[in-house]
Amino acid sequence: MLNQAIIEPHIEISGSITKNWTEQAIECYKLNGNCKECSIKKAHYSFDCQMPKVVEILKLVNGEPELD
């Protein structure tokens, strides 16, 4: 599976989140993976965000996102 080939084997990312560019993935892309500026980080969720890794997969699978 592409996800497991790119990401360390002990980290699992849902295949559904790597199929299409979402609003959150585009935000992460625009921020160049700068988690300090991310809306998820500012909400103080208790999980480690995997979005920068998802963005890298999306770029490989779908190419760069279309930006407004």
N, C-alpha and C. Protein backbone atom coordinates (compact mmCIF):
# COMPACT_ATOMS: atom_id res chain seq x y z
N MET A 1 0.86 -1.18 0.00
CA MET A 1 0.00 0.00 0.00
C MET A 1 0.90 1.23 0.00
N LEU A 2 0.55 2.24 -0.78
CA LEU A 2 1.37 3.44 -0.92
C LEU A 2 1.62 4.12 0.42
N ASN A 3 0.59 4.25 1.24
CA ASN A 3 0.75 4.90 2.55
C ASN A 3 1.86 4.25 3.36
N GLN A 4 1.84 2.96 3.43
CA GLN A 4 2.81 2.25 4.25
C GLN A 4 4.19 2.26 3.63
N ALA A 5 4.29 2.44 2.34
CA ALA A 5 5.60 2.50 1.69
C ALA A 5 6.28 3.84 1.97
N ILE A 6 5.52 4.88 2.17
CA ILE A 6 6.08 6.22 2.36
C ILE A 6 6.28 6.54 3.83
N ILE A 7 5.36 6.11 4.66
CA ILE A 7 5.36 6.46 6.07
C ILE A 7 5.95 5.32 6.88
N GLU A 8 6.55 5.67 8.00
CA GLU A 8 7.12 4.63 8.85
C GLU A 8 6.08 3.53 9.06
N PRO A 9 6.51 2.30 9.11
CA PRO A 9 5.55 1.19 9.20
C PRO A 9 4.64 1.21 10.42
N HIS A 10 5.06 1.83 11.52
CA HIS A 10 4.24 1.82 12.73
C HIS A 10 3.16 2.90 12.74
N ILE A 11 3.14 3.75 11.73
CA ILE A 11 2.13 4.82 11.65
C ILE A 11 1.14 4.44 10.57
N GLU A 12 -0.12 4.33 10.94
CA GLU A 12 -1.16 4.00 9.97
C GLU A 12 -2.00 5.23 9.68
N ILE A 13 -2.22 5.48 8.41
CA ILE A 13 -3.07 6.58 7.98
C ILE A 13 -4.16 6.00 7.11
N SER A 14 -5.37 6.41 7.38
CA SER A 14 -6.52 5.93 6.63
C SER A 14 -6.34 6.22 5.14
N GLY A 15 -6.61 5.22 4.32
CA GLY A 15 -6.52 5.41 2.88
C GLY A 15 -7.52 6.41 2.34
N SER A 16 -8.64 6.58 3.03
CA SER A 16 -9.67 7.50 2.54
C SER A 16 -9.21 8.95 2.58
N ILE A 17 -8.34 9.29 3.53
CA ILE A 17 -7.90 10.68 3.65
C ILE A 17 -6.82 11.01 2.62
N THR A 18 -6.27 10.01 1.97
CA THR A 18 -5.22 10.26 0.98
C THR A 18 -5.71 10.17 -0.46
N LYS A 19 -7.03 10.14 -0.64
CA LYS A 19 -7.59 10.03 -1.99
C LYS A 19 -7.84 11.39 -2.65
N ASN A 20 -8.24 12.37 -1.88
CA ASN A 20 -8.61 13.67 -2.44
C ASN A 20 -8.09 14.80 -1.57
N TRP A 21 -7.84 15.93 -2.20
CA TRP A 21 -7.46 17.13 -1.45
C TRP A 21 -8.67 17.63 -0.67
N THR A 22 -8.54 17.72 0.64
CA THR A 22 -9.59 18.26 1.50
C THR A 22 -9.21 19.69 1.88
N GLU A 23 -10.14 20.39 2.48
CA GLU A 23 -9.85 21.75 2.96
C GLU A 23 -8.67 21.75 3.91
N GLN A 24 -8.65 20.79 4.82
CA GLN A 24 -7.58 20.73 5.82
C GLN A 24 -6.24 20.41 5.16
N ALA A 25 -6.25 19.51 4.19
CA ALA A 25 -5.01 19.17 3.49
C ALA A 25 -4.48 20.37 2.71
N ILE A 26 -5.37 21.12 2.09
CA ILE A 26 -4.95 22.32 1.35
C ILE A 26 -4.41 23.36 2.31
N GLU A 27 -5.03 23.51 3.48
CA GLU A 27 -4.50 24.45 4.48
C GLU A 27 -3.08 24.05 4.86
N CYS A 28 -2.88 22.78 5.13
CA CYS A 28 -1.55 22.28 5.50
C CYS A 28 -0.55 22.52 4.37
N TYR A 29 -0.98 22.27 3.15
CA TYR A 29 -0.13 22.50 1.96
C TYR A 29 0.28 23.97 1.88
N LYS A 30 -0.70 24.86 2.05
CA LYS A 30 -0.43 26.31 1.98
C LYS A 30 0.51 26.75 3.09
N LEU A 31 0.40 26.12 4.25
CA LEU A 31 1.27 26.46 5.39
C LEU A 31 2.62 25.75 5.32
N ASN A 32 2.81 24.96 4.26
CA ASN A 32 4.04 24.20 4.08
C ASN A 32 4.33 23.32 5.30
N GLY A 33 3.25 22.74 5.86
CA GLY A 33 3.39 21.84 7.00
C GLY A 33 3.78 22.51 8.30
N ASN A 34 3.61 23.83 8.38
CA ASN A 34 3.95 24.57 9.61
C ASN A 34 2.82 24.39 10.63
N CYS A 35 2.97 23.39 11.47
CA CYS A 35 1.91 23.03 12.42
C CYS A 35 1.60 24.14 13.42
N LYS A 36 2.54 25.02 13.69
CA LYS A 36 2.30 26.11 14.64
C LYS A 36 1.22 27.07 14.15
N GLU A 37 1.03 27.14 12.84
CA GLU A 37 0.03 28.04 12.27
C GLU A 37 -1.28 27.34 11.89
N CYS A 38 -1.34 26.05 12.09
CA CYS A 38 -2.49 25.25 11.65
C CYS A 38 -3.69 25.42 12.57
N SER A 39 -4.88 25.41 11.99
CA SER A 39 -6.10 25.52 12.78
C SER A 39 -6.30 24.31 13.68
N ILE A 40 -5.83 23.14 13.27
CA ILE A 40 -5.94 21.95 14.12
C ILE A 40 -5.09 22.13 15.37
N LYS A 41 -3.86 22.58 15.19
CA LYS A 41 -2.96 22.79 16.33
C LYS A 41 -3.52 23.84 17.27
N LYS A 42 -4.09 24.90 16.72
CA LYS A 42 -4.63 25.98 17.55
C LYS A 42 -5.85 25.53 18.35
N ALA A 43 -6.48 24.44 17.92
CA ALA A 43 -7.64 23.92 18.64
C ALA A 43 -7.22 23.01 19.80
N HIS A 44 -5.93 22.76 19.92
CA HIS A 44 -5.37 21.97 21.02
C HIS A 44 -5.94 20.55 21.11
N TYR A 45 -6.02 19.89 19.95
CA TYR A 45 -6.44 18.49 19.96
C TYR A 45 -5.35 17.66 20.63
N SER A 46 -5.72 16.52 21.15
CA SER A 46 -4.78 15.70 21.91
C SER A 46 -4.06 14.65 21.05
N PHE A 47 -4.17 14.73 19.74
CA PHE A 47 -3.50 13.75 18.89
C PHE A 47 -2.38 14.42 18.09
N ASP A 48 -1.46 13.61 17.62
CA ASP A 48 -0.40 14.11 16.76
C ASP A 48 -0.92 14.14 15.34
N CYS A 49 -0.89 15.29 14.74
CA CYS A 49 -1.41 15.46 13.39
C CYS A 49 -0.50 14.76 12.38
N GLN A 50 -1.12 14.05 11.48
CA GLN A 50 -0.40 13.35 10.42
C GLN A 50 -0.57 14.05 9.06
N MET A 51 -1.22 15.23 9.07
CA MET A 51 -1.54 15.89 7.82
C MET A 51 -0.32 16.20 6.95
N PRO A 52 0.83 16.61 7.50
CA PRO A 52 1.97 16.83 6.61
C PRO A 52 2.35 15.58 5.82
N LYS A 53 2.19 14.41 6.42
CA LYS A 53 2.47 13.16 5.72
C LYS A 53 1.39 12.87 4.68
N VAL A 54 0.16 13.18 5.02
CA VAL A 54 -0.95 13.01 4.08
C VAL A 54 -0.74 13.91 2.86
N VAL A 55 -0.30 15.14 3.09
CA VAL A 55 -0.05 16.08 1.99
C VAL A 55 0.99 15.51 1.03
N GLU A 56 2.04 14.93 1.56
CA GLU A 56 3.07 14.35 0.70
C GLU A 56 2.50 13.21 -0.16
N ILE A 57 1.64 12.39 0.43
CA ILE A 57 1.01 11.31 -0.33
C ILE A 57 0.09 11.89 -1.39
N LEU A 58 -0.71 12.89 -1.02
CA LEU A 58 -1.61 13.52 -1.98
C LEU A 58 -0.85 14.12 -3.16
N LYS A 59 0.28 14.73 -2.90
CA LYS A 59 1.08 15.31 -3.99
C LYS A 59 1.57 14.22 -4.94
N LEU A 60 1.97 13.08 -4.39
CA LEU A 60 2.42 11.97 -5.24
C LEU A 60 1.28 11.36 -6.05
N VAL A 61 0.14 11.18 -5.39
CA VAL A 61 -0.99 10.50 -6.03
C VAL A 61 -1.78 11.42 -6.96
N ASN A 62 -2.05 12.64 -6.49
CA ASN A 62 -2.96 13.55 -7.22
C ASN A 62 -2.27 14.78 -7.81
N GLY A 63 -1.01 14.99 -7.50
CA GLY A 63 -0.34 16.20 -7.96
C GLY A 63 -0.66 17.36 -7.02
N GLU A 64 -0.16 18.52 -7.34
CA GLU A 64 -0.38 19.72 -6.52
C GLU A 64 -1.87 20.07 -6.53
N PRO A 65 -2.37 20.64 -5.42
CA PRO A 65 -3.80 21.01 -5.39
C PRO A 65 -4.06 22.26 -6.21
N GLU A 66 -5.30 22.37 -6.65
CA GLU A 66 -5.71 23.60 -7.34
C GLU A 66 -6.04 24.63 -6.27
N LEU A 67 -5.36 25.76 -6.31
CA LEU A 67 -5.57 26.81 -5.31
C LEU A 67 -6.40 27.93 -5.92
N ASP A 68 -7.19 28.56 -5.06
CA ASP A 68 -8.04 29.67 -5.51
C ASP A 68 -7.21 30.87 -5.86
